[in-house]
Amino acid sequence: QAMLTYRMASELTPASISRLQNLGMMTYYTGDRKEAEKI
C-alpha cells in the first residue's frame, strides 16, 4: 500500500527527486526489482 501511495505522490509531481527516491526504494524492498531498477 505504501508503494502505491508513493507512486501516486510521484505521479502528481513527476519532477520531485525525493518522491522518486521514496518510490524507488519502496518498490525495491517490496521485491519488484525490475521496476525498482527503472525508477
PDB file of all heavy atoms in Angstrom:
ATOM      1  N   GLN A   1       0.830  -1.202   0.000  1.00  0.00           N
ATOM      2  CA  GLN A   1       0.000   0.000   0.000  1.00  0.00           C
ATOM      3  C   GLN A   1       0.866   1.254   0.000  1.00  0.00           C
ATOM      4  O   GLN A   1       0.553   2.235  -0.685  1.00  0.00           O
ATOM      5  CB  GLN A   1      -0.922  -0.001   1.219  1.00  0.00           C
ATOM      6  CG  GLN A   1      -1.995  -1.072   1.178  1.00  0.00           C
ATOM      7  CD  GLN A   1      -2.907  -0.998   2.396  1.00  0.00           C
ATOM      8  OE1 GLN A   1      -3.059   0.041   3.034  1.00  0.00           O
ATOM      9  NE2 GLN A   1      -3.515  -2.138   2.730  1.00  0.00           N
ATOM     10  N   ALA A   2       1.950   1.221   0.769  1.00  0.00           N
ATOM     11  CA  ALA A   2       2.851   2.377   0.809  1.00  0.00           C
ATOM     12  C   ALA A   2       3.440   2.637  -0.573  1.00  0.00           C
ATOM     13  O   ALA A   2       3.555   3.796  -0.999  1.00  0.00           O
ATOM     14  CB  ALA A   2       3.969   2.139   1.820  1.00  0.00           C
ATOM     15  N   MET A   3       3.790   1.575  -1.281  1.00  0.00           N
ATOM     16  CA  MET A   3       4.360   1.741  -2.621  1.00  0.00           C
ATOM     17  C   MET A   3       3.345   2.404  -3.564  1.00  0.00           C
ATOM     18  O   MET A   3       3.694   3.311  -4.322  1.00  0.00           O
ATOM     19  CB  MET A   3       4.783   0.388  -3.183  1.00  0.00           C
ATOM     20  CG  MET A   3       5.443   0.475  -4.559  1.00  0.00           C
ATOM     21  SD  MET A   3       5.864  -1.150  -5.219  1.00  0.00           S
ATOM     22  CE  MET A   3       4.223  -1.846  -5.476  1.00  0.00           C
ATOM     23  N   LEU A   4       2.097   1.963  -3.500  1.00  0.00           N
ATOM     24  CA  LEU A   4       1.061   2.555  -4.352  1.00  0.00           C
ATOM     25  C   LEU A   4       0.838   4.028  -4.001  1.00  0.00           C
ATOM     26  O   LEU A   4       0.628   4.867  -4.883  1.00  0.00           O
ATOM     27  CB  LEU A   4      -0.248   1.773  -4.209  1.00  0.00           C
ATOM     28  CG  LEU A   4      -0.242   0.337  -4.748  1.00  0.00           C
ATOM     29  CD1 LEU A   4      -1.554  -0.371  -4.404  1.00  0.00           C
ATOM     30  CD2 LEU A   4       0.001   0.321  -6.251  1.00  0.00           C
ATOM     31  N   THR A   5       0.899   4.342  -2.715  1.00  0.00           N
ATOM     32  CA  THR A   5       0.724   5.726  -2.263  1.00  0.00           C
ATOM     33  C   THR A   5       1.874   6.598  -2.752  1.00  0.00           C
ATOM     34  O   THR A   5       1.666   7.715  -3.236  1.00  0.00           O
ATOM     35  CB  THR A   5       0.619   5.772  -0.735  1.00  0.00           C
ATOM     36  OG1 THR A   5      -0.499   4.981  -0.317  1.00  0.00           O
ATOM     37  CG2 THR A   5       0.432   7.199  -0.249  1.00  0.00           C
ATOM     38  N   TYR A   6       3.098   6.086  -2.623  1.00  0.00           N
ATOM     39  CA  TYR A   6       4.255   6.847  -3.107  1.00  0.00           C
ATOM     40  C   TYR A   6       4.202   7.021  -4.621  1.00  0.00           C
ATOM     41  O   TYR A   6       4.648   8.048  -5.149  1.00  0.00           O
ATOM     42  CB  TYR A   6       5.550   6.148  -2.706  1.00  0.00           C
ATOM     43  CG  TYR A   6       5.888   6.279  -1.240  1.00  0.00           C
ATOM     44  CD1 TYR A   6       6.354   5.185  -0.511  1.00  0.00           C
ATOM     45  CD2 TYR A   6       5.740   7.491  -0.569  1.00  0.00           C
ATOM     46  CE1 TYR A   6       6.665   5.299   0.838  1.00  0.00           C
ATOM     47  CE2 TYR A   6       6.038   7.608   0.768  1.00  0.00           C
ATOM     48  CZ  TYR A   6       6.499   6.516   1.473  1.00  0.00           C
ATOM     49  OH  TYR A   6       6.798   6.629   2.803  1.00  0.00           O
ATOM     50  N   ARG A   7       3.652   6.015  -5.315  1.00  0.00           N
ATOM     51  CA  ARG A   7       3.519   6.154  -6.768  1.00  0.00           C
ATOM     52  C   ARG A   7       2.561   7.287  -7.113  1.00  0.00           C
ATOM     53  O   ARG A   7       2.797   8.068  -8.028  1.00  0.00           O
ATOM     54  CB  ARG A   7       3.034   4.838  -7.383  1.00  0.00           C
ATOM     55  CG  ARG A   7       2.831   4.935  -8.902  1.00  0.00           C
ATOM     56  CD  ARG A   7       2.517   3.591  -9.520  1.00  0.00           C
ATOM     57  NE  ARG A   7       3.671   2.716  -9.436  1.00  0.00           N
ATOM     58  CZ  ARG A   7       3.637   1.452  -9.022  1.00  0.00           C
ATOM     59  NH1 ARG A   7       2.492   0.925  -8.636  1.00  0.00           N
ATOM     60  NH2 ARG A   7       4.724   0.724  -8.985  1.00  0.00           N
ATOM     61  N   MET A   8       1.465   7.388  -6.345  1.00  0.00           N
ATOM     62  CA  MET A   8       0.509   8.468  -6.577  1.00  0.00           C
ATOM     63  C   MET A   8       1.167   9.828  -6.355  1.00  0.00           C
ATOM     64  O   MET A   8       1.011  10.754  -7.161  1.00  0.00           O
ATOM     65  CB  MET A   8      -0.691   8.314  -5.634  1.00  0.00           C
ATOM     66  CG  MET A   8      -1.739   9.402  -5.778  1.00  0.00           C
ATOM     67  SD  MET A   8      -2.586   9.348  -7.385  1.00  0.00           S
ATOM     68  CE  MET A   8      -3.649   7.919  -7.120  1.00  0.00           C
ATOM     69  N   ALA A   9       1.943   9.960  -5.274  1.00  0.00           N
ATOM     70  CA  ALA A   9       2.626  11.220  -4.992  1.00  0.00           C
ATOM     71  C   ALA A   9       3.611  11.559  -6.095  1.00  0.00           C
ATOM     72  O   ALA A   9       3.718  12.721  -6.520  1.00  0.00           O
ATOM     73  CB  ALA A   9       3.354  11.140  -3.643  1.00  0.00           C
ATOM     74  N   SER A  10       4.324  10.544  -6.580  1.00  0.00           N
ATOM     75  CA  SER A  10       5.310  10.772  -7.638  1.00  0.00           C
ATOM     76  C   SER A  10       4.642  11.155  -8.953  1.00  0.00           C
ATOM     77  O   SER A  10       5.149  11.997  -9.700  1.00  0.00           O
ATOM     78  CB  SER A  10       6.167   9.514  -7.824  1.00  0.00           C
ATOM     79  OG  SER A  10       7.208   9.738  -8.742  1.00  0.00           O
ATOM     80  N   GLU A  11       3.496  10.545  -9.243  1.00  0.00           N
ATOM     81  CA  GLU A  11       2.773  10.888 -10.474  1.00  0.00           C
ATOM     82  C   GLU A  11       2.232  12.311 -10.422  1.00  0.00           C
ATOM     83  O   GLU A  11       2.144  12.995 -11.446  1.00  0.00           O
ATOM     84  CB  GLU A  11       1.639   9.889 -10.700  1.00  0.00           C
ATOM     85  CG  GLU A  11       2.137   8.508 -11.130  1.00  0.00           C
ATOM     86  CD  GLU A  11       1.023   7.473 -11.187  1.00  0.00           C
ATOM     87  OE1 GLU A  11      -0.118   7.810 -10.773  1.00  0.00           O
ATOM     88  OE2 GLU A  11       1.287   6.339 -11.629  1.00  0.00           O
ATOM     89  N   LEU A  12       1.866  12.772  -9.225  1.00  0.00           N
ATOM     90  CA  LEU A  12       1.383  14.147  -9.080  1.00  0.00           C
ATOM     91  C   LEU A  12       2.504  15.154  -9.283  1.00  0.00           C
ATOM     92  O   LEU A  12       2.270  16.269  -9.755  1.00  0.00           O
ATOM     93  CB  LEU A  12       0.757  14.337  -7.691  1.00  0.00           C
ATOM     94  CG  LEU A  12      -0.612  13.694  -7.460  1.00  0.00           C
ATOM     95  CD1 LEU A  12      -0.966  13.730  -5.989  1.00  0.00           C
ATOM     96  CD2 LEU A  12      -1.689  14.397  -8.279  1.00  0.00           C
ATOM     97  N   THR A  13       3.744  14.764  -8.920  1.00  0.00           N
ATOM     98  CA  THR A  13       4.899  15.660  -9.026  1.00  0.00           C
ATOM     99  C   THR A  13       6.056  14.893  -9.674  1.00  0.00           C
ATOM    100  O   THR A  13       7.009  14.508  -8.993  1.00  0.00           O
ATOM    101  CB  THR A  13       5.318  16.167  -7.638  1.00  0.00           C
ATOM    102  OG1 THR A  13       5.569  15.030  -6.783  1.00  0.00           O
ATOM    103  CG2 THR A  13       4.238  17.027  -7.014  1.00  0.00           C
ATOM    104  N   PRO A  14       5.985  14.648 -10.981  1.00  0.00           N
ATOM    105  CA  PRO A  14       6.971  13.770 -11.646  1.00  0.00           C
ATOM    106  C   PRO A  14       8.404  14.255 -11.585  1.00  0.00           C
ATOM    107  O   PRO A  14       9.332  13.464 -11.782  1.00  0.00           O
ATOM    108  CB  PRO A  14       6.461  13.714 -13.090  1.00  0.00           C
ATOM    109  CG  PRO A  14       5.581  14.918 -13.259  1.00  0.00           C
ATOM    110  CD  PRO A  14       4.968  15.150 -11.922  1.00  0.00           C
ATOM    111  N   ALA A  15       8.624  15.533 -11.326  1.00  0.00           N
ATOM    112  CA  ALA A  15       9.995  16.039 -11.277  1.00  0.00           C
ATOM    113  C   ALA A  15      10.576  16.025  -9.866  1.00  0.00           C
ATOM    114  O   ALA A  15      11.708  16.443  -9.656  1.00  0.00           O
ATOM    115  CB  ALA A  15      10.041  17.465 -11.834  1.00  0.00           C
ATOM    116  N   SER A  16       9.816  15.519  -8.890  1.00  0.00           N
ATOM    117  CA  SER A  16      10.281  15.514  -7.496  1.00  0.00           C
ATOM    118  C   SER A  16      11.284  14.385  -7.279  1.00  0.00           C
ATOM    119  O   SER A  16      10.932  13.207  -7.347  1.00  0.00           O
ATOM    120  CB  SER A  16       9.096  15.348  -6.540  1.00  0.00           C
ATOM    121  OG  SER A  16       9.564  15.117  -5.225  1.00  0.00           O
ATOM    122  N   ILE A  17      12.511  14.750  -6.998  1.00  0.00           N
ATOM    123  CA  ILE A  17      13.566  13.762  -6.777  1.00  0.00           C
ATOM    124  C   ILE A  17      13.282  12.958  -5.511  1.00  0.00           C
ATOM    125  O   ILE A  17      13.409  11.729  -5.492  1.00  0.00           O
ATOM    126  CB  ILE A  17      14.938  14.458  -6.688  1.00  0.00           C
ATOM    127  CG1 ILE A  17      15.277  15.110  -8.026  1.00  0.00           C
ATOM    128  CG2 ILE A  17      16.031  13.469  -6.290  1.00  0.00           C
ATOM    129  CD1 ILE A  17      16.447  16.070  -7.953  1.00  0.00           C
ATOM    130  N   SER A  18      12.897  13.641  -4.443  1.00  0.00           N
ATOM    131  CA  SER A  18      12.689  12.947  -3.169  1.00  0.00           C
ATOM    132  C   SER A  18      11.549  11.942  -3.256  1.00  0.00           C
ATOM    133  O   SER A  18      11.618  10.857  -2.673  1.00  0.00           O
ATOM    134  CB  SER A  18      12.428  13.948  -2.050  1.00  0.00           C
ATOM    135  OG  SER A  18      11.359  14.805  -2.371  1.00  0.00           O
ATOM    136  N   ARG A  19      10.496  12.276  -3.993  1.00  0.00           N
ATOM    137  CA  ARG A  19       9.376  11.331  -4.120  1.00  0.00           C
ATOM    138  C   ARG A  19       9.740  10.157  -5.019  1.00  0.00           C
ATOM    139  O   ARG A  19       9.318   9.028  -4.768  1.00  0.00           O
ATOM    140  CB  ARG A  19       8.134  12.062  -4.632  1.00  0.00           C
ATOM    141  CG  ARG A  19       7.528  12.957  -3.559  1.00  0.00           C
ATOM    142  CD  ARG A  19       6.217  13.593  -3.960  1.00  0.00           C
ATOM    143  NE  ARG A  19       5.657  14.292  -2.822  1.00  0.00           N
ATOM    144  CZ  ARG A  19       5.276  15.567  -2.820  1.00  0.00           C
ATOM    145  NH1 ARG A  19       5.410  16.288  -3.924  1.00  0.00           N
ATOM    146  NH2 ARG A  19       4.786  16.130  -1.739  1.00  0.00           N
ATOM    147  N   LEU A  20      10.520  10.403  -6.050  1.00  0.00           N
ATOM    148  CA  LEU A  20      11.019   9.297  -6.867  1.00  0.00           C
ATOM    149  C   LEU A  20      11.882   8.361  -6.027  1.00  0.00           C
ATOM    150  O   LEU A  20      11.822   7.139  -6.177  1.00  0.00           O
ATOM    151  CB  LEU A  20      11.843   9.834  -8.044  1.00  0.00           C
ATOM    152  CG  LEU A  20      11.115  10.125  -9.358  1.00  0.00           C
ATOM    153  CD1 LEU A  20      12.106  10.716 -10.366  1.00  0.00           C
ATOM    154  CD2 LEU A  20      10.480   8.866  -9.929  1.00  0.00           C
ATOM    155  N   GLN A  21      12.685   8.937  -5.140  1.00  0.00           N
ATOM    156  CA  GLN A  21      13.528   8.122  -4.265  1.00  0.00           C
ATOM    157  C   GLN A  21      12.676   7.238  -3.365  1.00  0.00           C
ATOM    158  O   GLN A  21      12.946   6.043  -3.214  1.00  0.00           O
ATOM    159  CB  GLN A  21      14.429   9.029  -3.418  1.00  0.00           C
ATOM    160  CG  GLN A  21      15.521   9.672  -4.236  1.00  0.00           C
ATOM    161  CD  GLN A  21      16.390  10.652  -3.457  1.00  0.00           C
ATOM    162  OE1 GLN A  21      17.480  10.953  -3.878  1.00  0.00           O
ATOM    163  NE2 GLN A  21      15.917  11.154  -2.344  1.00  0.00           N
ATOM    164  N   ASN A  22      11.663   7.814  -2.744  1.00  0.00           N
ATOM    165  CA  ASN A  22      10.776   7.017  -1.891  1.00  0.00           C
ATOM    166  C   ASN A  22      10.156   5.872  -2.667  1.00  0.00           C
ATOM    167  O   ASN A  22      10.111   4.734  -2.203  1.00  0.00           O
ATOM    168  CB  ASN A  22       9.661   7.901  -1.317  1.00  0.00           C
ATOM    169  CG  ASN A  22      10.116   8.733  -0.134  1.00  0.00           C
ATOM    170  OD1 ASN A  22      11.148   8.456   0.473  1.00  0.00           O
ATOM    171  ND2 ASN A  22       9.365   9.758   0.177  1.00  0.00           N
ATOM    172  N   LEU A  23       9.657   6.188  -3.868  1.00  0.00           N
ATOM    173  CA  LEU A  23       9.005   5.175  -4.688  1.00  0.00           C
ATOM    174  C   LEU A  23       9.987   4.083  -5.093  1.00  0.00           C
ATOM    175  O   LEU A  23       9.681   2.885  -5.009  1.00  0.00           O
ATOM    176  CB  LEU A  23       8.386   5.823  -5.928  1.00  0.00           C
ATOM    177  CG  LEU A  23       7.741   4.862  -6.940  1.00  0.00           C
ATOM    178  CD1 LEU A  23       6.617   4.064  -6.284  1.00  0.00           C
ATOM    179  CD2 LEU A  23       7.216   5.636  -8.151  1.00  0.00           C
ATOM    180  N   GLY A  24      11.183   4.482  -5.533  1.00  0.00           N
ATOM    181  CA  GLY A  24      12.172   3.504  -5.970  1.00  0.00           C
ATOM    182  C   GLY A  24      12.602   2.578  -4.846  1.00  0.00           C
ATOM    183  O   GLY A  24      12.690   1.357  -5.025  1.00  0.00           O
ATOM    184  N   MET A  25      12.869   3.141  -3.665  1.00  0.00           N
ATOM    185  CA  MET A  25      13.287   2.312  -2.535  1.00  0.00           C
ATOM    186  C   MET A  25      12.175   1.373  -2.088  1.00  0.00           C
ATOM    187  O   MET A  25      12.415   0.190  -1.819  1.00  0.00           O
ATOM    188  CB  MET A  25      13.728   3.202  -1.375  1.00  0.00           C
ATOM    189  CG  MET A  25      15.004   3.975  -1.625  1.00  0.00           C
ATOM    190  SD  MET A  25      15.548   4.830  -0.117  1.00  0.00           S
ATOM    191  CE  MET A  25      16.464   6.193  -0.825  1.00  0.00           C
ATOM    192  N   MET A  26      10.944   1.893  -2.000  1.00  0.00           N
ATOM    193  CA  MET A  26       9.839   1.061  -1.555  1.00  0.00           C
ATOM    194  C   MET A  26       9.569  -0.061  -2.554  1.00  0.00           C
ATOM    195  O   MET A  26       9.286  -1.199  -2.170  1.00  0.00           O
ATOM    196  CB  MET A  26       8.582   1.924  -1.381  1.00  0.00           C
ATOM    197  CG  MET A  26       7.519   1.301  -0.491  1.00  0.00           C
ATOM    198  SD  MET A  26       7.943   1.332   1.266  1.00  0.00           S
ATOM    199  CE  MET A  26       8.471  -0.362   1.520  1.00  0.00           C
ATOM    200  N   THR A  27       9.680   0.246  -3.837  1.00  0.00           N
ATOM    201  CA  THR A  27       9.493  -0.775  -4.871  1.00  0.00           C
ATOM    202  C   THR A  27      10.564  -1.854  -4.759  1.00  0.00           C
ATOM    203  O   THR A  27      10.285  -3.050  -4.909  1.00  0.00           O
ATOM    204  CB  THR A  27       9.544  -0.133  -6.273  1.00  0.00           C
ATOM    205  OG1 THR A  27       8.558   0.905  -6.353  1.00  0.00           O
ATOM    206  CG2 THR A  27       9.256  -1.156  -7.360  1.00  0.00           C
ATOM    207  N   TYR A  28      11.786  -1.430  -4.457  1.00  0.00           N
ATOM    208  CA  TYR A  28      12.889  -2.396  -4.293  1.00  0.00           C
ATOM    209  C   TYR A  28      12.606  -3.333  -3.125  1.00  0.00           C
ATOM    210  O   TYR A  28      12.715  -4.558  -3.257  1.00  0.00           O
ATOM    211  CB  TYR A  28      14.200  -1.642  -4.066  1.00  0.00           C
ATOM    212  CG  TYR A  28      15.399  -2.540  -3.897  1.00  0.00           C
ATOM    213  CD1 TYR A  28      16.158  -2.942  -4.988  1.00  0.00           C
ATOM    214  CD2 TYR A  28      15.766  -3.005  -2.630  1.00  0.00           C
ATOM    215  CE1 TYR A  28      17.251  -3.773  -4.832  1.00  0.00           C
ATOM    216  CE2 TYR A  28      16.858  -3.839  -2.460  1.00  0.00           C
ATOM    217  CZ  TYR A  28      17.593  -4.221  -3.568  1.00  0.00           C
ATOM    218  OH  TYR A  28      18.668  -5.055  -3.412  1.00  0.00           O
ATOM    219  N   TYR A  29      12.227  -2.771  -1.977  1.00  0.00           N
ATOM    220  CA  TYR A  29      12.044  -3.607  -0.790  1.00  0.00           C
ATOM    221  C   TYR A  29      10.792  -4.470  -0.846  1.00  0.00           C
ATOM    222  O   TYR A  29      10.701  -5.458  -0.107  1.00  0.00           O
ATOM    223  CB  TYR A  29      12.028  -2.730   0.462  1.00  0.00           C
ATOM    224  CG  TYR A  29      13.391  -2.192   0.818  1.00  0.00           C
ATOM    225  CD1 TYR A  29      13.645  -0.813   0.831  1.00  0.00           C
ATOM    226  CD2 TYR A  29      14.451  -3.041   1.126  1.00  0.00           C
ATOM    227  CE1 TYR A  29      14.901  -0.314   1.140  1.00  0.00           C
ATOM    228  CE2 TYR A  29      15.708  -2.552   1.432  1.00  0.00           C
ATOM    229  CZ  TYR A  29      15.923  -1.192   1.436  1.00  0.00           C
ATOM    230  OH  TYR A  29      17.167  -0.704   1.744  1.00  0.00           O
ATOM    231  N   THR A  30       9.826  -4.109  -1.696  1.00  0.00           N
ATOM    232  CA  THR A  30       8.654  -4.981  -1.853  1.00  0.00           C
ATOM    233  C   THR A  30       8.923  -6.113  -2.832  1.00  0.00           C
ATOM    234  O   THR A  30       8.061  -6.966  -3.041  1.00  0.00           O
ATOM    235  CB  THR A  30       7.417  -4.186  -2.319  1.00  0.00           C
ATOM    236  OG1 THR A  30       7.744  -3.437  -3.492  1.00  0.00           O
ATOM    237  CG2 THR A  30       6.931  -3.250  -1.235  1.00  0.00           C
ATOM    238  N   GLY A  31      10.110  -6.123  -3.443  1.00  0.00           N
ATOM    239  CA  GLY A  31      10.522  -7.278  -4.241  1.00  0.00           C
ATOM    240  C   GLY A  31      10.431  -7.128  -5.737  1.00  0.00           C
ATOM    241  O   GLY A  31      10.857  -8.019  -6.474  1.00  0.00           O
ATOM    242  N   ASP A  32       9.886  -6.011  -6.236  1.00  0.00           N
ATOM    243  CA  ASP A  32       9.797  -5.821  -7.686  1.00  0.00           C
ATOM    244  C   ASP A  32      11.086  -5.156  -8.167  1.00  0.00           C
ATOM    245  O   ASP A  32      11.135  -3.966  -8.459  1.00  0.00           O
ATOM    246  CB  ASP A  32       8.578  -4.955  -8.027  1.00  0.00           C
ATOM    247  CG  ASP A  32       8.294  -4.914  -9.529  1.00  0.00           C
ATOM    248  OD1 ASP A  32       9.136  -5.410 -10.313  1.00  0.00           O
ATOM    249  OD2 ASP A  32       7.234  -4.376  -9.910  1.00  0.00           O
ATOM    250  N   ARG A  33      12.137  -5.952  -8.251  1.00  0.00           N
ATOM    251  CA  ARG A  33      13.460  -5.400  -8.534  1.00  0.00           C
ATOM    252  C   ARG A  33      13.558  -4.839  -9.954  1.00  0.00           C
ATOM    253  O   ARG A  33      14.285  -3.871 -10.202  1.00  0.00           O
ATOM    254  CB  ARG A  33      14.536  -6.474  -8.316  1.00  0.00           C
ATOM    255  CG  ARG A  33      14.527  -7.060  -6.894  1.00  0.00           C
ATOM    256  CD  ARG A  33      14.914  -6.009  -5.871  1.00  0.00           C
ATOM    257  NE  ARG A  33      14.719  -6.420  -4.496  1.00  0.00           N
ATOM    258  CZ  ARG A  33      15.541  -7.180  -3.788  1.00  0.00           C
ATOM    259  NH1 ARG A  33      16.646  -7.632  -4.337  1.00  0.00           N
ATOM    260  NH2 ARG A  33      15.282  -7.472  -2.535  1.00  0.00           N
ATOM    261  N   LYS A  34      12.843  -5.447 -10.890  1.00  0.00           N
ATOM    262  CA  LYS A  34      12.897  -4.968 -12.275  1.00  0.00           C
ATOM    263  C   LYS A  34      12.340  -3.550 -12.386  1.00  0.00           C
ATOM    264  O   LYS A  34      12.951  -2.662 -12.996  1.00  0.00           O
ATOM    265  CB  LYS A  34      12.129  -5.917 -13.193  1.00  0.00           C
ATOM    266  CG  LYS A  34      12.236  -5.567 -14.672  1.00  0.00           C
ATOM    267  CD  LYS A  34      11.521  -6.600 -15.532  1.00  0.00           C
ATOM    268  CE  LYS A  34      11.632  -6.252 -17.022  1.00  0.00           C
ATOM    269  NZ  LYS A  34      10.937  -7.259 -17.871  1.00  0.00           N
ATOM    270  N   GLU A  35      11.169  -3.333 -11.799  1.00  0.00           N
ATOM    271  CA  GLU A  35      10.564  -1.997 -11.820  1.00  0.00           C
ATOM    272  C   GLU A  35      11.375  -1.027 -10.973  1.00  0.00           C
ATOM    273  O   GLU A  35      11.555   0.146 -11.331  1.00  0.00           O
ATOM    274  CB  GLU A  35       9.125  -2.069 -11.304  1.00  0.00           C
ATOM    275  CG  GLU A  35       8.385  -0.734 -11.285  1.00  0.00           C
ATOM    276  CD  GLU A  35       8.168  -0.143 -12.666  1.00  0.00           C
ATOM    277  OE1 GLU A  35       8.256  -0.883 -13.656  1.00  0.00           O
ATOM    278  OE2 GLU A  35       7.904   1.078 -12.738  1.00  0.00           O
ATOM    279  N   ALA A  36      11.890  -1.522  -9.846  1.00  0.00           N
ATOM    280  CA  ALA A  36      12.695  -0.672  -8.966  1.00  0.00           C
ATOM    281  C   ALA A  36      13.928  -0.154  -9.699  1.00  0.00           C
ATOM    282  O   ALA A  36      14.294   1.017  -9.556  1.00  0.00           O
ATOM    283  CB  ALA A  36      13.108  -1.448  -7.721  1.00  0.00           C
ATOM    284  N   GLU A  37      14.564  -1.012 -10.480  1.00  0.00           N
ATOM    285  CA  GLU A  37      15.759  -0.578 -11.198  1.00  0.00           C
ATOM    286  C   GLU A  37      15.448   0.573 -12.148  1.00  0.00           C
ATOM    287  O   GLU A  37      16.219   1.535 -12.250  1.00  0.00           O
ATOM    288  CB  GLU A  37      16.375  -1.739 -11.979  1.00  0.00           C
ATOM    289  CG  GLU A  37      17.663  -1.334 -12.691  1.00  0.00           C
ATOM    290  CD  GLU A  37      18.321  -2.464 -13.451  1.00  0.00           C
ATOM    291  OE1 GLU A  37      17.720  -3.550 -13.547  1.00  0.00           O
ATOM    292  OE2 GLU A  37      19.437  -2.256 -13.946  1.00  0.00           O
ATOM    293  N   LYS A  38      14.302   0.513 -12.815  1.00  0.00           N
ATOM    294  CA  LYS A  38      13.923   1.595 -13.728  1.00  0.00           C
ATOM    295  C   LYS A  38      13.752   2.910 -12.968  1.00  0.00           C
ATOM    296  O   LYS A  38      14.235   3.964 -13.405  1.00  0.00           O
ATOM    297  CB  LYS A  38      12.608   1.243 -14.440  1.00  0.00           C
ATOM    298  CG  LYS A  38      12.686   0.051 -15.384  1.00  0.00           C
ATOM    299  CD  LYS A  38      11.312  -0.230 -15.970  1.00  0.00           C
ATOM    300  CE  LYS A  38      11.318  -1.473 -16.850  1.00  0.00           C
ATOM    301  NZ  LYS A  38       9.959  -1.797 -17.348  1.00  0.00           N
ATOM    302  N   ILE A  39      13.065   2.844 -11.826  1.00  0.00           N
ATOM    303  CA  ILE A  39      12.797   4.063 -11.065  1.00  0.00           C
ATOM    304  C   ILE A  39      14.081   4.607 -10.444  1.00  0.00           C
ATOM    305  O   ILE A  39      14.350   5.816 -10.482  1.00  0.00           O
ATOM    306  CB  ILE A  39      11.751   3.790  -9.968  1.00  0.00           C
ATOM    307  CG1 ILE A  39      10.435   3.307 -10.593  1.00  0.00           C
ATOM    308  CG2 ILE A  39      11.500   5.047  -9.130  1.00  0.00           C
ATOM    309  CD1 ILE A  39       9.450   2.746  -9.579  1.00  0.00           C
TER     310      ILE A  39
END
